[in-house]
N, C-alpha and C. Protein backbone atom coordinates (compact mmCIF):
# COMPACT_ATOMS: atom_id res chain seq x y z
N MET A 1 62.77 69.35 -154.71
CA MET A 1 63.76 69.03 -155.71
C MET A 1 64.16 67.56 -155.52
N ASN A 2 64.18 66.85 -156.59
CA ASN A 2 64.52 65.44 -156.56
C ASN A 2 65.82 65.24 -157.34
N LEU A 3 66.92 65.05 -156.62
CA LEU A 3 68.24 64.93 -157.24
C LEU A 3 68.67 63.48 -157.32
N SER A 4 69.38 63.15 -158.37
CA SER A 4 69.93 61.81 -158.50
C SER A 4 71.09 61.63 -157.52
N PRO A 5 71.41 60.39 -157.17
CA PRO A 5 72.57 60.16 -156.29
C PRO A 5 73.86 60.75 -156.86
N LYS A 6 74.02 60.70 -158.17
CA LYS A 6 75.22 61.27 -158.79
C LYS A 6 75.26 62.78 -158.57
N ALA A 7 74.14 63.45 -158.75
CA ALA A 7 74.08 64.90 -158.53
C ALA A 7 74.38 65.23 -157.08
N MET A 8 73.85 64.44 -156.15
CA MET A 8 74.11 64.68 -154.73
C MET A 8 75.58 64.47 -154.40
N ARG A 9 76.22 63.47 -155.02
CA ARG A 9 77.65 63.26 -154.78
C ARG A 9 78.48 64.44 -155.27
N PHE A 10 78.10 65.00 -156.43
CA PHE A 10 78.79 66.20 -156.92
C PHE A 10 78.60 67.36 -155.95
N MET A 11 77.41 67.50 -155.42
CA MET A 11 77.14 68.58 -154.47
C MET A 11 77.92 68.37 -153.17
N VAL A 12 78.02 67.12 -152.72
CA VAL A 12 78.81 66.82 -151.52
C VAL A 12 80.26 67.22 -151.76
N GLU A 13 80.80 66.86 -152.90
CA GLU A 13 82.18 67.20 -153.22
C GLU A 13 82.38 68.72 -153.26
N ALA A 14 81.44 69.43 -153.87
CA ALA A 14 81.54 70.89 -153.94
C ALA A 14 81.46 71.52 -152.55
N LEU A 15 80.56 71.00 -151.72
CA LEU A 15 80.45 71.52 -150.36
C LEU A 15 81.73 71.25 -149.56
N GLU A 16 82.27 70.06 -149.70
CA GLU A 16 83.51 69.74 -148.99
C GLU A 16 84.64 70.69 -149.42
N PHE A 17 84.71 70.98 -150.70
CA PHE A 17 85.73 71.89 -151.22
C PHE A 17 85.54 73.29 -150.64
N ARG A 18 84.31 73.79 -150.65
CA ARG A 18 84.02 75.14 -150.15
C ARG A 18 84.24 75.21 -148.63
N ILE A 19 83.87 74.16 -147.90
CA ILE A 19 84.10 74.13 -146.45
C ILE A 19 85.59 74.21 -146.16
N ALA A 20 86.37 73.44 -146.89
CA ALA A 20 87.83 73.46 -146.69
C ALA A 20 88.39 74.84 -147.01
N ALA A 21 87.88 75.48 -148.06
CA ALA A 21 88.36 76.82 -148.42
C ALA A 21 88.02 77.83 -147.34
N TYR A 22 86.80 77.78 -146.81
CA TYR A 22 86.42 78.68 -145.72
C TYR A 22 87.28 78.44 -144.49
N GLN A 23 87.48 77.17 -144.17
CA GLN A 23 88.29 76.85 -142.98
C GLN A 23 89.72 77.35 -143.16
N ASN A 24 90.27 77.16 -144.35
CA ASN A 24 91.61 77.65 -144.64
C ASN A 24 91.67 79.17 -144.53
N GLN A 25 90.64 79.83 -145.04
CA GLN A 25 90.59 81.29 -144.97
C GLN A 25 90.54 81.75 -143.52
N LEU A 26 89.75 81.09 -142.71
CA LEU A 26 89.69 81.45 -141.28
C LEU A 26 91.03 81.20 -140.60
N ASP A 27 91.66 80.07 -140.90
CA ASP A 27 92.93 79.73 -140.27
C ASP A 27 94.04 80.71 -140.64
N THR A 28 94.08 81.14 -141.90
CA THR A 28 95.17 82.00 -142.34
C THR A 28 94.92 83.48 -142.05
N GLU A 29 93.67 83.89 -142.03
CA GLU A 29 93.37 85.31 -141.87
C GLU A 29 93.11 85.73 -140.42
N MET A 30 92.99 84.78 -139.51
CA MET A 30 92.71 85.13 -138.12
C MET A 30 93.80 86.03 -137.57
N GLY A 31 95.03 85.79 -137.95
CA GLY A 31 96.13 86.60 -137.44
C GLY A 31 96.48 87.77 -138.33
N GLU A 32 95.76 87.96 -139.42
CA GLU A 32 96.11 89.00 -140.38
C GLU A 32 95.17 90.19 -140.35
N GLY A 33 94.52 90.44 -139.24
CA GLY A 33 93.70 91.63 -139.12
C GLY A 33 92.31 91.54 -139.72
N ILE A 34 91.78 90.37 -139.90
CA ILE A 34 90.41 90.23 -140.39
C ILE A 34 89.47 90.72 -139.28
N SER A 35 88.41 91.40 -139.66
CA SER A 35 87.50 91.98 -138.66
C SER A 35 86.66 90.89 -138.00
N ASP A 36 86.15 91.22 -136.84
CA ASP A 36 85.28 90.29 -136.12
C ASP A 36 84.02 89.98 -136.93
N ASP A 37 83.51 90.98 -137.64
CA ASP A 37 82.32 90.77 -138.48
C ASP A 37 82.60 89.77 -139.60
N GLN A 38 83.77 89.89 -140.22
CA GLN A 38 84.14 88.95 -141.30
C GLN A 38 84.33 87.54 -140.75
N ILE A 39 84.95 87.44 -139.58
CA ILE A 39 85.13 86.13 -138.95
C ILE A 39 83.76 85.52 -138.64
N SER A 40 82.86 86.35 -138.12
CA SER A 40 81.52 85.87 -137.80
C SER A 40 80.78 85.41 -139.05
N ASP A 41 80.87 86.18 -140.12
CA ASP A 41 80.21 85.81 -141.38
C ASP A 41 80.76 84.50 -141.93
N LEU A 42 82.07 84.37 -141.95
CA LEU A 42 82.69 83.13 -142.44
C LEU A 42 82.30 81.94 -141.58
N THR A 43 82.31 82.13 -140.28
CA THR A 43 81.96 81.04 -139.37
C THR A 43 80.51 80.62 -139.56
N ASN A 44 79.61 81.59 -139.68
CA ASN A 44 78.20 81.27 -139.90
C ASN A 44 78.00 80.53 -141.22
N ASP A 45 78.65 81.01 -142.27
CA ASP A 45 78.56 80.34 -143.57
C ASP A 45 79.12 78.92 -143.49
N LEU A 46 80.22 78.77 -142.80
CA LEU A 46 80.86 77.46 -142.64
C LEU A 46 79.91 76.49 -141.93
N LEU A 47 79.29 76.94 -140.86
CA LEU A 47 78.36 76.08 -140.12
C LEU A 47 77.15 75.71 -140.98
N PHE A 48 76.65 76.67 -141.76
CA PHE A 48 75.53 76.39 -142.64
C PHE A 48 75.90 75.35 -143.70
N LEU A 49 77.07 75.52 -144.32
CA LEU A 49 77.51 74.55 -145.33
C LEU A 49 77.71 73.17 -144.73
N GLU A 50 78.23 73.11 -143.51
CA GLU A 50 78.42 71.81 -142.85
C GLU A 50 77.08 71.13 -142.59
N SER A 51 76.05 71.89 -142.23
CA SER A 51 74.74 71.29 -142.01
C SER A 51 74.14 70.80 -143.32
N LEU A 52 74.32 71.57 -144.40
CA LEU A 52 73.88 71.10 -145.72
C LEU A 52 74.59 69.81 -146.12
N LEU A 53 75.88 69.76 -145.88
CA LEU A 53 76.67 68.58 -146.20
C LEU A 53 76.15 67.36 -145.45
N GLN A 54 75.87 67.52 -144.17
CA GLN A 54 75.35 66.40 -143.37
C GLN A 54 74.01 65.91 -143.91
N GLU A 55 73.14 66.83 -144.31
CA GLU A 55 71.84 66.45 -144.86
C GLU A 55 71.99 65.68 -146.17
N LEU A 56 72.88 66.15 -147.03
CA LEU A 56 73.11 65.43 -148.29
C LEU A 56 73.71 64.06 -148.05
N GLN A 57 74.64 63.97 -147.11
CA GLN A 57 75.25 62.67 -146.81
C GLN A 57 74.23 61.70 -146.24
N LYS A 58 73.31 62.20 -145.42
CA LYS A 58 72.24 61.35 -144.90
C LYS A 58 71.35 60.86 -146.03
N ALA A 59 71.02 61.75 -146.94
CA ALA A 59 70.17 61.39 -148.08
C ALA A 59 70.84 60.34 -148.95
N LEU A 60 72.15 60.41 -149.08
CA LEU A 60 72.88 59.42 -149.88
C LEU A 60 72.92 58.06 -149.20
N ASP A 61 72.80 58.03 -147.88
CA ASP A 61 72.82 56.77 -147.14
C ASP A 61 71.51 55.99 -147.26
N VAL A 62 70.44 56.67 -147.66
CA VAL A 62 69.13 56.02 -147.79
C VAL A 62 69.09 55.26 -149.12
N PRO A 63 68.78 53.97 -149.05
CA PRO A 63 68.74 53.21 -150.30
C PRO A 63 67.62 53.72 -151.20
N VAL A 64 67.92 53.78 -152.48
CA VAL A 64 66.95 54.25 -153.47
C VAL A 64 66.46 53.05 -154.26
N ALA A 65 65.13 52.91 -154.34
CA ALA A 65 64.55 51.80 -155.10
C ALA A 65 64.73 52.05 -156.59
N LYS A 66 65.17 51.04 -157.29
CA LYS A 66 65.34 51.15 -158.74
C LYS A 66 64.00 50.99 -159.41
N VAL A 67 63.75 51.81 -160.41
CA VAL A 67 62.52 51.71 -161.18
C VAL A 67 62.86 51.08 -162.52
N PHE A 68 62.12 50.04 -162.86
CA PHE A 68 62.40 49.32 -164.11
C PHE A 68 61.43 49.71 -165.18
């Protein structure tokens, strides 16, 4: 898949939003009886999203040659 820098920036923003939501959910629900399986699932998803975010941010740091 070949995404434009603008598309990648939108994806970065969406990932940052979802990461924050997962982190907030973990922070607020840890004391509210959430099961260990749910905590594990959220944590795994959070780590996966963070790795995707890092990859997209690295891709955005690479200069793109303009085609005329």
